[in-house]
Amino acid sequence: DLIINGLLFAELPLTNKLFFFFDLSCTLGDIDLNQQHTDLGVRLGLVNFLPFGNHPGLFSSFGLGGSIYDYNTVFYCLGEIGIDFDISVYVLEFKYQVRYDKNSCFTDVYYIGVGMNLDYL
């Protein structure tokens, strides 16, 4: 199952390496409604394990989420990896996630998104 999602997110730094991620994602493109996802997620992750600057770099995370589009679905983010770039307080992010839920079992999800680093506030 291949899904490409748009993403709005916020990153809350716990340390300079450890972040909490909050995000809201929605399916991009013309995809059958049975495969459409609109999700809210919370994850814990590491950033800057291969840094490209002060904050931007590669990151990985795991955590939990729930589907807003299908209220019966809770998914487990088994792992994700991505790259993000700072643009002042804003962050541009590309990532790949593998997750498991009771409806679609294992799902590959690709994301492109914009967000905010709460450390700047």
PDB file of N, CA and C in Angstrom:
ATOM      1  N   ASP A   1       0.861  -1.175   0.000  1.00  0.00           N
ATOM      2  CA  ASP A   1       0.000   0.000   0.000  1.00  0.00           C
ATOM      3  C   ASP A   1       0.898   1.227   0.000  1.00  0.00           C
ATOM      4  N   LEU A   2       0.753   2.092  -0.977  1.00  0.00           N
ATOM      5  CA  LEU A   2       1.596   3.278  -1.109  1.00  0.00           C
ATOM      6  C   LEU A   2       0.732   4.517  -0.970  1.00  0.00           C
ATOM      7  N   ILE A   3       1.060   5.354  -0.020  1.00  0.00           N
ATOM      8  CA  ILE A   3       0.312   6.574   0.236  1.00  0.00           C
ATOM      9  C   ILE A   3       1.295   7.735   0.290  1.00  0.00           C
ATOM     10  N   ILE A   4       0.967   8.826  -0.378  1.00  0.00           N
ATOM     11  CA  ILE A   4       1.773  10.040  -0.297  1.00  0.00           C
ATOM     12  C   ILE A   4       0.947  11.087   0.439  1.00  0.00           C
ATOM     13  N   ASN A   5       1.485  11.616   1.524  1.00  0.00           N
ATOM     14  CA  ASN A   5       0.751  12.536   2.376  1.00  0.00           C
ATOM     15  C   ASN A   5       1.425  13.896   2.442  1.00  0.00           C
ATOM     16  N   GLY A   6       0.591  14.926   2.563  1.00  0.00           N
ATOM     17  CA  GLY A   6       1.058  16.243   2.953  1.00  0.00           C
ATOM     18  C   GLY A   6       1.059  16.316   4.463  1.00  0.00           C
ATOM     19  N   LEU A   7       1.912  17.141   5.020  1.00  0.00           N
ATOM     20  CA  LEU A   7       2.153  17.088   6.456  1.00  0.00           C
ATOM     21  C   LEU A   7       2.314  18.492   7.031  1.00  0.00           C
ATOM     22  N   LEU A   8       1.619  18.742   8.137  1.00  0.00           N
ATOM     23  CA  LEU A   8       1.871  19.913   8.964  1.00  0.00           C
ATOM     24  C   LEU A   8       2.363  19.395  10.305  1.00  0.00           C
ATOM     25  N   PHE A   9       3.442  19.956  10.817  1.00  0.00           N
ATOM     26  CA  PHE A   9       4.000  19.381  12.034  1.00  0.00           C
ATOM     27  C   PHE A   9       4.692  20.436  12.888  1.00  0.00           C
ATOM     28  N   ALA A  10       4.941  20.056  14.128  1.00  0.00           N
ATOM     29  CA  ALA A  10       5.732  20.871  15.040  1.00  0.00           C
ATOM     30  C   ALA A  10       6.738  19.956  15.727  1.00  0.00           C
ATOM     31  N   GLU A  11       7.915  20.485  15.982  1.00  0.00           N
ATOM     32  CA  GLU A  11       8.975  19.738  16.653  1.00  0.00           C
ATOM     33  C   GLU A  11       9.304  20.440  17.965  1.00  0.00           C
ATOM     34  N   LEU A  12       9.251  19.691  19.045  1.00  0.00           N
ATOM     35  CA  LEU A  12       9.587  20.238  20.353  1.00  0.00           C
ATOM     36  C   LEU A  12      10.865  19.571  20.847  1.00  0.00           C
ATOM     37  N   PRO A  13      11.959  20.321  20.940  1.00  0.00           N
ATOM     38  CA  PRO A  13      13.227  19.717  21.371  1.00  0.00           C
ATOM     39  C   PRO A  13      13.227  19.411  22.861  1.00  0.00           C
ATOM     40  N   LEU A  14      13.608  18.199  23.197  1.00  0.00           N
ATOM     41  CA  LEU A  14      13.803  17.811  24.590  1.00  0.00           C
ATOM     42  C   LEU A  14      15.273  17.958  24.961  1.00  0.00           C
ATOM     43  N   THR A  15      16.148  17.623  24.027  1.00  0.00           N
ATOM     44  CA  THR A  15      17.580  17.919  24.118  1.00  0.00           C
ATOM     45  C   THR A  15      17.964  18.391  22.716  1.00  0.00           C
ATOM     46  N   ASN A  16      19.252  18.615  22.469  1.00  0.00           N
ATOM     47  CA  ASN A  16      19.658  19.027  21.129  1.00  0.00           C
ATOM     48  C   ASN A  16      19.618  17.868  20.140  1.00  0.00           C
ATOM     49  N   LYS A  17      19.403  16.645  20.620  1.00  0.00           N
ATOM     50  CA  LYS A  17      19.314  15.480  19.737  1.00  0.00           C
ATOM     51  C   LYS A  17      17.930  14.837  19.749  1.00  0.00           C
ATOM     52  N   LEU A  18      17.215  14.990  20.846  1.00  0.00           N
ATOM     53  CA  LEU A  18      15.956  14.273  21.041  1.00  0.00           C
ATOM     54  C   LEU A  18      14.774  15.228  20.880  1.00  0.00           C
ATOM     55  N   PHE A  19      13.839  14.858  20.015  1.00  0.00           N
ATOM     56  CA  PHE A  19      12.699  15.714  19.724  1.00  0.00           C
ATOM     57  C   PHE A  19      11.390  14.970  19.927  1.00  0.00           C
ATOM     58  N   PHE A  20      10.360  15.736  20.244  1.00  0.00           N
ATOM     59  CA  PHE A  20       8.993  15.259  20.213  1.00  0.00           C
ATOM     60  C   PHE A  20       8.363  15.825  18.945  1.00  0.00           C
ATOM     61  N   PHE A  21       7.694  14.984  18.153  1.00  0.00           N
ATOM     62  CA  PHE A  21       7.067  15.418  16.917  1.00  0.00           C
ATOM     63  C   PHE A  21       5.550  15.326  17.049  1.00  0.00           C
ATOM     64  N   PHE A  22       4.849  16.377  16.682  1.00  0.00           N
ATOM     65  CA  PHE A  22       3.391  16.374  16.606  1.00  0.00           C
ATOM     66  C   PHE A  22       3.035  16.679  15.158  1.00  0.00           C
ATOM     67  N   ASP A  23       2.162  15.885  14.542  1.00  0.00           N
ATOM     68  CA  ASP A  23       1.858  16.184  13.152  1.00  0.00           C
ATOM     69  C   ASP A  23       0.431  15.847  12.760  1.00  0.00           C
ATOM     70  N   LEU A  24      -0.015  16.522  11.712  1.00  0.00           N
ATOM     71  CA  LEU A  24      -1.313  16.308  11.089  1.00  0.00           C
ATOM     72  C   LEU A  24      -1.054  16.100   9.608  1.00  0.00           C
ATOM     73  N   SER A  25      -1.487  14.977   9.067  1.00  0.00           N
ATOM     74  CA  SER A  25      -1.208  14.678   7.665  1.00  0.00           C
ATOM     75  C   SER A  25      -2.491  14.380   6.914  1.00  0.00           C
ATOM     76  N   CYS A  26      -2.463  14.626   5.617  1.00  0.00           N
ATOM     77  CA  CYS A  26      -3.621  14.410   4.760  1.00  0.00           C
ATOM     78  C   CYS A  26      -3.144  13.913   3.408  1.00  0.00           C
ATOM     79  N   THR A  27      -3.883  12.957   2.842  1.00  0.00           N
ATOM     80  CA  THR A  27      -3.497  12.361   1.565  1.00  0.00           C
ATOM     81  C   THR A  27      -3.467  13.398   0.449  1.00  0.00           C
ATOM     82  N   LEU A  28      -2.420  13.329  -0.363  1.00  0.00           N
ATOM     83  CA  LEU A  28      -2.294  14.174  -1.542  1.00  0.00           C
ATOM     84  C   LEU A  28      -2.733  13.394  -2.772  1.00  0.00           C
ATOM     85  N   GLY A  29      -3.292  14.092  -3.747  1.00  0.00           N
ATOM     86  CA  GLY A  29      -3.623  13.447  -5.014  1.00  0.00           C
ATOM     87  C   GLY A  29      -4.977  12.757  -4.995  1.00  0.00           C
ATOM     88  N   ASP A  30      -5.327  12.170  -6.113  1.00  0.00           N
ATOM     89  CA  ASP A  30      -6.617  11.513  -6.303  1.00  0.00           C
ATOM     90  C   ASP A  30      -6.481  10.035  -5.967  1.00  0.00           C
ATOM     91  N   ILE A  31      -6.751   9.693  -4.706  1.00  0.00           N
ATOM     92  CA  ILE A  31      -6.618   8.320  -4.236  1.00  0.00           C
ATOM     93  C   ILE A  31      -7.983   7.829  -3.765  1.00  0.00           C
ATOM     94  N   ASP A  32      -8.278   6.583  -4.019  1.00  0.00           N
ATOM     95  CA  ASP A  32      -9.537   5.990  -3.598  1.00  0.00           C
ATOM     96  C   ASP A  32      -9.788   6.265  -2.119  1.00  0.00           C
ATOM     97  N   LEU A  33     -11.031   6.607  -1.764  1.00  0.00           N
ATOM     98  CA  LEU A  33     -11.347   6.990  -0.393  1.00  0.00           C
ATOM     99  C   LEU A  33     -11.050   5.875   0.598  1.00  0.00           C
ATOM    100  N   ASN A  34     -11.097   4.631   0.155  1.00  0.00           N
ATOM    101  CA  ASN A  34     -10.804   3.534   1.063  1.00  0.00           C
ATOM    102  C   ASN A  34      -9.340   3.511   1.482  1.00  0.00           C
ATOM    103  N   GLN A  35      -8.493   4.185   0.723  1.00  0.00           N
ATOM    104  CA  GLN A  35      -7.072   4.229   1.052  1.00  0.00           C
ATOM    105  C   GLN A  35      -6.650   5.590   1.591  1.00  0.00           C
ATOM    106  N   GLN A  36      -7.603   6.511   1.701  1.00  0.00           N
ATOM    107  CA  GLN A  36      -7.266   7.864   2.115  1.00  0.00           C
ATOM    108  C   GLN A  36      -6.987   7.915   3.614  1.00  0.00           C
ATOM    109  N   HIS A  37      -5.972   8.655   3.971  1.00  0.00           N
ATOM    110  CA  HIS A  37      -5.615   8.817   5.376  1.00  0.00           C
ATOM    111  C   HIS A  37      -5.577  10.293   5.734  1.00  0.00           C
ATOM    112  N   THR A  38      -6.206  10.638   6.838  1.00  0.00           N
ATOM    113  CA  THR A  38      -6.014  11.936   7.469  1.00  0.00           C
ATOM    114  C   THR A  38      -5.692  11.629   8.923  1.00  0.00           C
ATOM    115  N   ASP A  39      -4.481  11.870   9.311  1.00  0.00           N
ATOM    116  CA  ASP A  39      -3.977  11.329  10.565  1.00  0.00           C
ATOM    117  C   ASP A  39      -3.435  12.408  11.486  1.00  0.00           C
ATOM    118  N   LEU A  40      -3.473  12.102  12.769  1.00  0.00           N
ATOM    119  CA  LEU A  40      -2.838  12.902  13.802  1.00  0.00           C
ATOM    120  C   LEU A  40      -1.855  11.995  14.534  1.00  0.00           C
ATOM    121  N   GLY A  41      -0.617  12.417  14.651  1.00  0.00           N
ATOM    122  CA  GLY A  41       0.393  11.542  15.239  1.00  0.00           C
ATOM    123  C   GLY A  41       1.275  12.246  16.250  1.00  0.00           C
ATOM    124  N   VAL A  42       1.834  11.460  17.141  1.00  0.00           N
ATOM    125  CA  VAL A  42       2.805  11.929  18.126  1.00  0.00           C
ATOM    126  C   VAL A  42       3.942  10.915  18.138  1.00  0.00           C
ATOM    127  N   ARG A  43       5.177  11.414  18.012  1.00  0.00           N
ATOM    128  CA  ARG A  43       6.309  10.496  17.956  1.00  0.00           C
ATOM    129  C   ARG A  43       7.502  11.082  18.709  1.00  0.00           C
ATOM    130  N   LEU A  44       8.369  10.201  19.113  1.00  0.00           N
ATOM    131  CA  LEU A  44       9.625  10.580  19.750  1.00  0.00           C
ATOM    132  C   LEU A  44      10.747  10.208  18.796  1.00  0.00           C
ATOM    133  N   GLY A  45      11.698  11.111  18.598  1.00  0.00           N
ATOM    134  CA  GLY A  45      12.727  10.803  17.615  1.00  0.00           C
ATOM    135  C   GLY A  45      14.056  11.470  17.882  1.00  0.00           C
ATOM    136  N   LEU A  46      15.041  11.013  17.128  1.00  0.00           N
ATOM    137  CA  LEU A  46      16.384  11.574  17.159  1.00  0.00           C
ATOM    138  C   LEU A  46      16.607  12.399  15.903  1.00  0.00           C
ATOM    139  N   VAL A  47      17.257  13.538  16.036  1.00  0.00           N
ATOM    140  CA  VAL A  47      17.624  14.352  14.886  1.00  0.00           C
ATOM    141  C   VAL A  47      19.132  14.560  14.894  1.00  0.00           C
ATOM    142  N   ASN A  48      19.625  15.017  13.754  1.00  0.00           N
ATOM    143  CA  ASN A  48      21.033  15.401  13.648  1.00  0.00           C
ATOM    144  C   ASN A  48      22.005  14.258  13.849  1.00  0.00           C
ATOM    145  N   PHE A  49      21.612  13.025  13.503  1.00  0.00           N
ATOM    146  CA  PHE A  49      22.631  11.995  13.590  1.00  0.00           C
ATOM    147  C   PHE A  49      23.547  12.021  12.375  1.00  0.00           C
ATOM    148  N   LEU A  50      23.154  12.749  11.322  1.00  0.00           N
ATOM    149  CA  LEU A  50      24.058  13.138  10.232  1.00  0.00           C
ATOM    150  C   LEU A  50      23.715  14.583   9.877  1.00  0.00           C
ATOM    151  N   PRO A  51      24.166  15.548  10.662  1.00  0.00           N
ATOM    152  CA  PRO A  51      23.663  16.915  10.533  1.00  0.00           C
ATOM    153  C   PRO A  51      24.175  17.644   9.292  1.00  0.00           C
ATOM    154  N   PHE A  52      23.356  18.567   8.818  1.00  0.00           N
ATOM    155  CA  PHE A  52      23.712  19.457   7.712  1.00  0.00           C
ATOM    156  C   PHE A  52      23.761  20.895   8.182  1.00  0.00           C
ATOM    157  N   GLY A  53      23.870  21.109   9.456  1.00  0.00           N
ATOM    158  CA  GLY A  53      23.886  22.456   9.997  1.00  0.00           C
ATOM    159  C   GLY A  53      23.578  22.380  11.480  1.00  0.00           C
ATOM    160  N   ASN A  54      23.087  23.471  12.032  1.00  0.00           N
ATOM    161  CA  ASN A  54      22.810  23.526  13.462  1.00  0.00           C
ATOM    162  C   ASN A  54      21.679  22.574  13.855  1.00  0.00           C
ATOM    163  N   HIS A  55      20.557  22.659  13.162  1.00  0.00           N
ATOM    164  CA  HIS A  55      19.449  21.751  13.452  1.00  0.00           C
ATOM    165  C   HIS A  55      19.107  20.816  12.304  1.00  0.00           C
ATOM    166  N   PRO A  56      19.100  21.277  11.061  1.00  0.00           N
ATOM    167  CA  PRO A  56      18.616  20.417   9.970  1.00  0.00           C
ATOM    168  C   PRO A  56      19.477  19.173   9.806  1.00  0.00           C
ATOM    169  N   GLY A  57      18.890  18.129   9.339  1.00  0.00           N
ATOM    170  CA  GLY A  57      19.646  16.917   9.114  1.00  0.00           C
ATOM    171  C   GLY A  57      18.738  15.716   8.985  1.00  0.00           C
ATOM    172  N   LEU A  58      19.322  14.552   9.068  1.00  0.00           N
ATOM    173  CA  LEU A  58      18.546  13.327   9.029  1.00  0.00           C
ATOM    174  C   LEU A  58      17.946  13.076  10.410  1.00  0.00           C
ATOM    175  N   PHE A  59      16.794  12.422  10.419  1.00  0.00           N
ATOM    176  CA  PHE A  59      16.171  12.107  11.695  1.00  0.00           C
ATOM    177  C   PHE A  59      15.478  10.757  11.598  1.00  0.00           C
ATOM    178  N   SER A  60      15.193  10.188  12.735  1.00  0.00           N
ATOM    179  CA  SER A  60      14.403   8.968  12.803  1.00  0.00           C
ATOM    180  C   SER A  60      13.490   9.067  14.010  1.00  0.00           C
ATOM    181  N   SER A  61      12.358   8.370  13.968  1.00  0.00           N
ATOM    182  CA  SER A  61      11.460   8.418  15.111  1.00  0.00           C
ATOM    183  C   SER A  61      10.530   7.219  15.117  1.00  0.00           C
ATOM    184  N   PHE A  62       9.811   7.068  16.211  1.00  0.00           N
ATOM    185  CA  PHE A  62       8.778   6.049  16.340  1.00  0.00           C
ATOM    186  C   PHE A  62       7.700   6.616  17.254  1.00  0.00           C
ATOM    187  N   GLY A  63       6.497   6.038  17.206  1.00  0.00           N
ATOM    188  CA  GLY A  63       5.461   6.560  18.083  1.00  0.00           C
ATOM    189  C   GLY A  63       4.087   6.038  17.734  1.00  0.00           C
ATOM    190  N   LEU A  64       3.084   6.853  18.034  1.00  0.00           N
ATOM    191  CA  LEU A  64       1.684   6.477  17.876  1.00  0.00           C
ATOM    192  C   LEU A  64       0.952   7.516  17.046  1.00  0.00           C
ATOM    193  N   GLY A  65      -0.182   7.103  16.488  1.00  0.00           N
ATOM    194  CA  GLY A  65      -1.033   8.030  15.756  1.00  0.00           C
ATOM    195  C   GLY A  65      -2.436   7.495  15.678  1.00  0.00           C
ATOM    196  N   GLY A  66      -3.316   8.332  15.188  1.00  0.00           N
ATOM    197  CA  GLY A  66      -4.696   7.920  14.989  1.00  0.00           C
ATOM    198  C   GLY A  66      -5.252   8.560  13.745  1.00  0.00           C
ATOM    199  N   SER A  67      -6.169   7.863  13.088  1.00  0.00           N
ATOM    200  CA  SER A  67      -6.758   8.382  11.870  1.00  0.00           C
ATOM    201  C   SER A  67      -7.992   9.219  12.197  1.00  0.00           C
ATOM    202  N   ILE A  68      -8.024  10.435  11.693  1.00  0.00           N
ATOM    203  CA  ILE A  68      -9.188  11.299  11.836  1.00  0.00           C
ATOM    204  C   ILE A  68     -10.242  10.927  10.798  1.00  0.00           C
ATOM    205  N   TYR A  69      -9.767  10.470   9.640  1.00  0.00           N
ATOM    206  CA  TYR A  69     -10.676  10.106   8.555  1.00  0.00           C
ATOM    207  C   TYR A  69     -11.451   8.844   8.908  1.00  0.00           C
ATOM    208  N   ASP A  70     -10.795   7.873   9.521  1.00  0.00           N
ATOM    209  CA  ASP A  70     -11.420   6.636   9.972  1.00  0.00           C
ATOM    210  C   ASP A  70     -11.195   6.544  11.476  1.00  0.00           C
ATOM    211  N   TYR A  71     -12.218   6.874  12.248  1.00  0.00           N
ATOM    212  CA  TYR A  71     -12.060   7.025  13.695  1.00  0.00           C
ATOM    213  C   TYR A  71     -11.706   5.726  14.398  1.00  0.00           C
ATOM    214  N   ASN A  72     -11.856   4.584  13.723  1.00  0.00           N
ATOM    215  CA  ASN A  72     -11.584   3.305  14.369  1.00  0.00           C
ATOM    216  C   ASN A  72     -10.121   2.885  14.277  1.00  0.00           C
ATOM    217  N   THR A  73      -9.286   3.675  13.648  1.00  0.00           N
ATOM    218  CA  THR A  73      -7.914   3.257  13.385  1.00  0.00           C
ATOM    219  C   THR A  73      -6.927   3.956  14.316  1.00  0.00           C
ATOM    220  N   VAL A  74      -6.146   3.166  15.007  1.00  0.00           N
ATOM    221  CA  VAL A  74      -4.955   3.653  15.706  1.00  0.00           C
ATOM    222  C   VAL A  74      -3.774   2.980  15.039  1.00  0.00           C
ATOM    223  N   PHE A  75      -2.735   3.735  14.716  1.00  0.00           N
ATOM    224  CA  PHE A  75      -1.585   3.112  14.071  1.00  0.00           C
ATOM    225  C   PHE A  75      -0.337   3.298  14.919  1.00  0.00           C
ATOM    226  N   TYR A  76       0.562   2.377  14.739  1.00  0.00           N
ATOM    227  CA  TYR A  76       1.848   2.385  15.429  1.00  0.00           C
ATOM    228  C   TYR A  76       2.922   2.683  14.401  1.00  0.00           C
ATOM    229  N   CYS A  77       3.643   3.763  14.601  1.00  0.00           N
ATOM    230  CA  CYS A  77       4.753   4.097  13.719  1.00  0.00           C
ATOM    231  C   CYS A  77       5.933   3.214  14.123  1.00  0.00           C
ATOM    232  N   LEU A  78       6.185   2.183  13.324  1.00  0.00           N
ATOM    233  CA  LEU A  78       7.258   1.246  13.637  1.00  0.00           C
ATOM    234  C   LEU A  78       8.628   1.875  13.415  1.00  0.00           C
ATOM    235  N   GLY A  79       8.671   2.875  12.561  1.00  0.00           N
ATOM    236  CA  GLY A  79       9.920   3.575  12.306  1.00  0.00           C
ATOM    237  C   GLY A  79       9.761   4.505  11.131  1.00  0.00           C
ATOM    238  N   GLU A  80      10.511   5.565  11.143  1.00  0.00           N
ATOM    239  CA  GLU A  80      10.526   6.477  10.005  1.00  0.00           C
ATOM    240  C   GLU A  80      11.901   7.095   9.910  1.00  0.00           C
ATOM    241  N   ILE A  81      12.226   7.515   8.721  1.00  0.00           N
ATOM    242  CA  ILE A  81      13.493   8.197   8.493  1.00  0.00           C
ATOM    243  C   ILE A  81      13.224   9.323   7.509  1.00  0.00           C
ATOM    244  N   GLY A  82      13.901  10.421   7.684  1.00  0.00           N
ATOM    245  CA  GLY A  82      13.656  11.553   6.807  1.00  0.00           C
ATOM    246  C   GLY A  82      14.770  12.569   6.891  1.00  0.00           C
ATOM    247  N   ILE A  83      14.566  13.644   6.168  1.00  0.00           N
ATOM    248  CA  ILE A  83      15.516  14.752   6.157  1.00  0.00           C
ATOM    249  C   ILE A  83      14.718  16.041   6.265  1.00  0.00           C
ATOM    250  N   ASP A  84      15.214  16.976   7.059  1.00  0.00           N
ATOM    251  CA  ASP A  84      14.541  18.262   7.160  1.00  0.00           C
ATOM    252  C   ASP A  84      15.537  19.409   7.040  1.00  0.00           C
ATOM    253  N   PHE A  85      15.006  20.547   6.625  1.00  0.00           N
ATOM    254  CA  PHE A  85      15.806  21.737   6.372  1.00  0.00           C
ATOM    255  C   PHE A  85      15.161  22.915   7.078  1.00  0.00           C
ATOM    256  N   ASP A  86      15.957  23.655   7.838  1.00  0.00           N
ATOM    257  CA  ASP A  86      15.461  24.864   8.505  1.00  0.00           C
ATOM    258  C   ASP A  86      15.320  26.016   7.526  1.00  0.00           C
ATOM    259  N   ILE A  87      14.220  26.743   7.642  1.00  0.00           N
ATOM    260  CA  ILE A  87      14.040  28.034   6.973  1.00  0.00           C
ATOM    261  C   ILE A  87      13.550  28.968   8.068  1.00  0.00           C
ATOM    262  N   SER A  88      14.490  29.504   8.844  1.00  0.00           N
ATOM    263  CA  SER A  88      14.175  30.274  10.033  1.00  0.00           C
ATOM    264  C   SER A  88      13.415  29.372  11.004  1.00  0.00           C
ATOM    265  N   VAL A  89      12.247  29.818  11.482  1.00  0.00           N
ATOM    266  CA  VAL A  89      11.458  29.026  12.421  1.00  0.00           C
ATOM    267  C   VAL A  89      10.782  27.841  11.731  1.00  0.00           C
ATOM    268  N   TYR A  90      10.656  27.917  10.409  1.00  0.00           N
ATOM    269  CA  TYR A  90       9.942  26.881   9.659  1.00  0.00           C
ATOM    270  C   TYR A  90      10.883  25.762   9.231  1.00  0.00           C
ATOM    271  N   VAL A  91      10.321  24.586   9.034  1.00  0.00           N
ATOM    272  CA  VAL A  91      11.095  23.416   8.654  1.00  0.00           C
ATOM    273  C   VAL A  91      10.419  22.740   7.467  1.00  0.00           C
ATOM    274  N   LEU A  92      11.200  22.414   6.453  1.00  0.00           N
ATOM    275  CA  LEU A  92      10.725  21.645   5.306  1.00  0.00           C
ATOM    276  C   LEU A  92      11.200  20.209   5.491  1.00  0.00           C
ATOM    277  N   GLU A  93      10.277  19.253   5.312  1.00  0.00           N
ATOM    278  CA  GLU A  93      10.598  17.883   5.674  1.00  0.00           C
ATOM    279  C   GLU A  93      10.160  16.897   4.595  1.00  0.00           C
ATOM    280  N   PHE A  94      11.006  15.919   4.359  1.00  0.00           N
ATOM    281  CA  PHE A  94      10.679  14.782   3.494  1.00  0.00           C
ATOM    282  C   PHE A  94      10.949  13.528   4.307  1.00  0.00           C
ATOM    283  N   LYS A  95       9.996  12.582   4.309  1.00  0.00           N
ATOM    284  CA  LYS A  95      10.227  11.403   5.130  1.00  0.00           C
ATOM    285  C   LYS A  95       9.485  10.183   4.598  1.00  0.00           C
ATOM    286  N   TYR A  96       9.941   9.037   5.080  1.00  0.00           N
ATOM    287  CA  TYR A  96       9.351   7.732   4.759  1.00  0.00           C
ATOM    288  C   TYR A  96       9.026   7.040   6.074  1.00  0.00           C
ATOM    289  N   GLN A  97       7.813   6.518   6.175  1.00  0.00           N
ATOM    290  CA  GLN A  97       7.369   5.905   7.419  1.00  0.00           C
ATOM    291  C   GLN A  97       6.803   4.512   7.155  1.00  0.00           C
ATOM    292  N   VAL A  98       7.100   3.596   8.046  1.00  0.00           N
ATOM    293  CA  VAL A  98       6.480   2.274   8.035  1.00  0.00           C
ATOM    294  C   VAL A  98       5.638   2.167   9.290  1.00  0.00           C
ATOM    295  N   ARG A  99       4.379   1.805   9.106  1.00  0.00           N
ATOM    296  CA  ARG A  99       3.510   1.706  10.269  1.00  0.00           C
ATOM    297  C   ARG A  99       2.599   0.489  10.180  1.00  0.00           C
ATOM    298  N   TYR A 100       1.986   0.188  11.298  1.00  0.00           N
ATOM    299  CA  TYR A 100       1.073  -0.951  11.381  1.00  0.00           C
ATOM    300  C   TYR A 100      -0.242  -0.477  11.985  1.00  0.00           C
ATOM    301  N   ASP A 101      -1.350  -0.856  11.380  1.00  0.00           N
ATOM    302  CA  ASP A 101      -2.648  -0.609  11.999  1.00  0.00           C
ATOM    303  C   ASP A 101      -3.585  -1.764  11.703  1.00  0.00           C
ATOM    304  N   LYS A 102      -4.689  -1.799  12.402  1.00  0.00           N
ATOM    305  CA  LYS A 102      -5.554  -2.969  12.335  1.00  0.00           C
ATOM    306  C   LYS A 102      -6.299  -3.081  11.005  1.00  0.00           C
ATOM    307  N   ASN A 103      -6.378  -1.984  10.246  1.00  0.00           N
ATOM    308  CA  ASN A 103      -7.099  -2.017   8.968  1.00  0.00           C
ATOM    309  C   ASN A 103      -6.211  -2.415   7.801  1.00  0.00           C
ATOM    310  N   SER A 104      -5.057  -1.780   7.711  1.00  0.00           N
ATOM    311  CA  SER A 104      -4.223  -2.012   6.526  1.00  0.00           C
ATOM    312  C   SER A 104      -2.936  -2.761   6.853  1.00  0.00           C
ATOM    313  N   CYS A 105      -2.824  -3.261   8.064  1.00  0.00           N
ATOM    314  CA  CYS A 105      -1.623  -3.976   8.485  1.00  0.00           C
ATOM    315  C   CYS A 105      -0.395  -3.092   8.292  1.00  0.00           C
ATOM    316  N   PHE A 106       0.570  -3.536   7.502  1.00  0.00           N
ATOM    317  CA  PHE A 106       1.773  -2.733   7.293  1.00  0.00           C
ATOM    318  C   PHE A 106       1.555  -1.775   6.133  1.00  0.00           C
ATOM    319  N   THR A 107       1.933  -0.521   6.329  1.00  0.00           N
ATOM    320  CA  THR A 107       1.702   0.510   5.323  1.00  0.00           C
ATOM    321  C   THR A 107       2.969   1.342   5.147  1.00  0.00           C
ATOM    322  N   ASP A 108       3.340   1.576   3.892  1.00  0.00           N
ATOM    323  CA  ASP A 108       4.410   2.518   3.565  1.00  0.00           C
ATOM    324  C   ASP A 108       3.777   3.876   3.324  1.00  0.00           C
ATOM    325  N   VAL A 109       4.310   4.907   3.948  1.00  0.00           N
ATOM    326  CA  VAL A 109       3.790   6.245   3.740  1.00  0.00           C
ATOM    327  C   VAL A 109       4.953   7.191   3.452  1.00  0.00           C
ATOM    328  N   TYR A 110       4.849   7.916   2.361  1.00  0.00           N
ATOM    329  CA  TYR A 110       5.824   8.947   2.023  1.00  0.00           C
ATOM    330  C   TYR A 110       5.201  10.311   2.322  1.00  0.00           C
ATOM    331  N   TYR A 111       5.992  11.188   2.914  1.00  0.00           N
ATOM    332  CA  TYR A 111       5.480  12.503   3.296  1.00  0.00           C
ATOM    333  C   TYR A 111       6.334  13.618   2.703  1.00  0.00           C
ATOM    334  N   ILE A 112       5.671  14.706   2.393  1.00  0.00           N
ATOM    335  CA  ILE A 112       6.341  15.981   2.167  1.00  0.00           C
ATOM    336  C   ILE A 112       5.576  16.997   3.014  1.00  0.00           C
ATOM    337  N   GLY A 113       6.297  17.794   3.778  1.00  0.00           N
ATOM    338  CA  GLY A 113       5.576  18.663   4.691  1.00  0.00           C
ATOM    339  C   GLY A 113       6.328  19.890   5.108  1.00  0.00           C
ATOM    340  N   VAL A 114       5.611  20.767   5.781  1.00  0.00           N
ATOM    341  CA  VAL A 114       6.187  21.972   6.368  1.00  0.00           C
ATOM    342  C   VAL A 114       5.774  22.010   7.831  1.00  0.00           C
ATOM    343  N   GLY A 115       6.643  22.557   8.640  1.00  0.00           N
ATOM    344  CA  GLY A 115       6.342  22.613  10.058  1.00  0.00           C
ATOM    345  C   GLY A 115       7.095  23.721  10.751  1.00  0.00           C
ATOM    346  N   MET A 116       7.124  23.627  12.058  1.00  0.00           N
ATOM    347  CA  MET A 116       7.710  24.670  12.883  1.00  0.00           C
ATOM    348  C   MET A 116       8.566  24.026  13.965  1.00  0.00           C
ATOM    349  N   ASN A 117       9.724  24.607  14.201  1.00  0.00           N
ATOM    350  CA  ASN A 117      10.575  24.191  15.299  1.00  0.00           C
ATOM    351  C   ASN A 117      10.223  25.066  16.503  1.00  0.00           C
ATOM    352  N   LEU A 118       9.598  24.462  17.521  1.00  0.00           N
ATOM    353  CA  LEU A 118       9.113  25.227  18.674  1.00  0.00           C
ATOM    354  C   LEU A 118      10.245  25.781  19.517  1.00  0.00           C
ATOM    355  N   ASP A 119      11.457  25.367  19.273  1.00  0.00           N
ATOM    356  CA  ASP A 119      12.616  25.887  19.997  1.00  0.00           C
ATOM    357  C   ASP A 119      12.836  27.360  19.687  1.00  0.00           C
ATOM    358  N   TYR A 120      12.324  27.812  18.538  1.00  0.00           N
ATOM    359  CA  TYR A 120      12.515  29.213  18.132  1.00  0.00           C
ATOM    360  C   TYR A 120      11.548  30.166  18.841  1.00  0.00           C
ATOM    361  N   LEU A 121      10.486  29.632  19.413  1.00  0.00           N
ATOM    362  CA  LEU A 121       9.437  30.494  19.993  1.00  0.00           C
ATOM    363  C   LEU A 121       9.815  30.983  21.385  1.00  0.00           C
TER     364      LEU A 121
END
